[in-house]
Amino acid sequence: MLLQEVMRDNIPQWLKLAAEAEPIFQGQMVDSEKFRDYIKSKIETKEAFMALARENDNAVMGIIRILTN
């Protein structure tokens, strides 16, 4: 597994994961402008990281937000 900072280029992958998780959270994320603004802000403040599967062409396994303060 490889951990790396989420960049703006990774927003489509984050939205794909969010779409998979929407049924679990019973709420709309992917089509929410508020959610899109949230993920952009976490990227800009360097608080978002993703886990990549090295053995599977670096497929995104998950994304996490880490508080910095």
C-alpha atoms as a PDB file:
ATOM      1  CA  MET A   1       0.000   0.000   0.000  1.00  0.00           C
ATOM      2  CA  LEU A   2       1.123   3.518  -0.783  1.00  0.00           C
ATOM      3  CA  LEU A   3      -0.156   6.660   0.958  1.00  0.00           C
ATOM      4  CA  GLN A   4      -0.055   9.956  -0.871  1.00  0.00           C
ATOM      5  CA  GLU A   5      -1.535  13.421  -0.704  1.00  0.00           C
ATOM      6  CA  VAL A   6      -4.757  13.920  -2.671  1.00  0.00           C
ATOM      7  CA  MET A   7      -4.397  16.396  -5.530  1.00  0.00           C
ATOM      8  CA  ARG A   8      -7.053  18.137  -7.641  1.00  0.00           C
ATOM      9  CA  ASP A   9      -6.446  15.535 -10.366  1.00  0.00           C
ATOM     10  CA  ASN A  10      -7.732  12.910  -7.898  1.00  0.00           C
ATOM     11  CA  ILE A  11     -11.180  14.491  -7.444  1.00  0.00           C
ATOM     12  CA  PRO A  12     -12.825  12.030  -9.890  1.00  0.00           C
ATOM     13  CA  GLN A  13     -11.471   9.094  -7.842  1.00  0.00           C
ATOM     14  CA  TRP A  14     -12.723  10.692  -4.621  1.00  0.00           C
ATOM     15  CA  LEU A  15     -16.162  11.175  -6.150  1.00  0.00           C
ATOM     16  CA  LYS A  16     -16.193   7.555  -7.324  1.00  0.00           C
ATOM     17  CA  LEU A  17     -15.486   6.378  -3.765  1.00  0.00           C
ATOM     18  CA  ALA A  18     -18.150   8.745  -2.444  1.00  0.00           C
ATOM     19  CA  ALA A  19     -20.689   7.264  -4.870  1.00  0.00           C
ATOM     20  CA  GLU A  20     -19.937   3.806  -3.515  1.00  0.00           C
ATOM     21  CA  ALA A  21     -20.362   5.051   0.070  1.00  0.00           C
ATOM     22  CA  GLU A  22     -23.587   7.041  -0.419  1.00  0.00           C
ATOM     23  CA  PRO A  23     -25.862   4.068   0.444  1.00  0.00           C
ATOM     24  CA  ILE A  24     -23.956   3.527   3.695  1.00  0.00           C
ATOM     25  CA  PHE A  25     -24.284   7.162   4.775  1.00  0.00           C
ATOM     26  CA  GLN A  26     -27.818   7.417   3.375  1.00  0.00           C
ATOM     27  CA  GLY A  27     -27.103  10.805   1.906  1.00  0.00           C
ATOM     28  CA  GLN A  28     -26.187  12.473  -1.318  1.00  0.00           C
ATOM     29  CA  MET A  29     -22.541  13.411  -1.717  1.00  0.00           C
ATOM     30  CA  VAL A  30     -21.490  13.154  -5.344  1.00  0.00           C
ATOM     31  CA  ASP A  31     -24.074  15.625  -6.649  1.00  0.00           C
ATOM     32  CA  SER A  32     -23.743  17.951  -3.656  1.00  0.00           C
ATOM     33  CA  GLU A  33     -22.002  21.256  -4.339  1.00  0.00           C
ATOM     34  CA  LYS A  34     -21.297  21.516  -0.603  1.00  0.00           C
ATOM     35  CA  PHE A  35     -19.479  18.164  -0.647  1.00  0.00           C
ATOM     36  CA  ARG A  36     -17.464  19.156  -3.736  1.00  0.00           C
ATOM     37  CA  ASP A  37     -16.454  22.415  -2.018  1.00  0.00           C
ATOM     38  CA  TYR A  38     -15.490  20.404   1.079  1.00  0.00           C
ATOM     39  CA  ILE A  39     -13.163  18.052  -0.792  1.00  0.00           C
ATOM     40  CA  LYS A  40     -11.555  20.949  -2.672  1.00  0.00           C
ATOM     41  CA  SER A  41     -10.914  22.749   0.619  1.00  0.00           C
ATOM     42  CA  LYS A  42      -9.323  19.625   2.149  1.00  0.00           C
ATOM     43  CA  ILE A  43      -7.055  19.300  -0.881  1.00  0.00           C
ATOM     44  CA  GLU A  44      -6.047  22.960  -0.701  1.00  0.00           C
ATOM     45  CA  THR A  45      -5.231  22.719   3.007  1.00  0.00           C
ATOM     46  CA  LYS A  46      -3.312  19.468   2.417  1.00  0.00           C
ATOM     47  CA  GLU A  47      -5.549  17.523   4.812  1.00  0.00           C
ATOM     48  CA  ALA A  48      -6.580  14.741   2.407  1.00  0.00           C
ATOM     49  CA  PHE A  49      -4.629  11.545   1.781  1.00  0.00           C
ATOM     50  CA  MET A  50      -5.373   8.413  -0.201  1.00  0.00           C
ATOM     51  CA  ALA A  51      -4.303   4.806   0.051  1.00  0.00           C
ATOM     52  CA  LEU A  52      -3.284   3.154  -3.215  1.00  0.00           C
ATOM     53  CA  ALA A  53      -2.969  -0.573  -3.894  1.00  0.00           C
ATOM     54  CA  ARG A  54       0.490  -1.061  -5.411  1.00  0.00           C
ATOM     55  CA  GLU A  55      -0.342  -4.601  -6.528  1.00  0.00           C
ATOM     56  CA  ASN A  56      -3.427  -3.376  -8.435  1.00  0.00           C
ATOM     57  CA  ASP A  57      -2.128  -0.575 -10.696  1.00  0.00           C
ATOM     58  CA  ASN A  58      -2.280   1.877  -7.783  1.00  0.00           C
ATOM     59  CA  ALA A  59      -6.063   1.580  -7.534  1.00  0.00           C
ATOM     60  CA  VAL A  60      -7.496   3.918  -4.906  1.00  0.00           C
ATOM     61  CA  MET A  61      -8.424   1.921  -1.807  1.00  0.00           C
ATOM     62  CA  GLY A  62      -9.652   4.854   0.263  1.00  0.00           C
ATOM     63  CA  ILE A  63      -9.327   8.533   1.099  1.00  0.00           C
ATOM     64  CA  ILE A  64      -9.044  10.049   4.545  1.00  0.00           C
ATOM     65  CA  ARG A  65      -9.047  13.555   5.898  1.00  0.00           C
ATOM     66  CA  ILE A  66      -6.536  14.251   8.659  1.00  0.00           C
ATOM     67  CA  LEU A  67      -6.938  17.209  11.002  1.00  0.00           C
ATOM     68  CA  THR A  68      -3.850  19.365  11.107  1.00  0.00           C
ATOM     69  CA  ASN A  69      -4.691  21.423  14.183  1.00  0.00           C
END
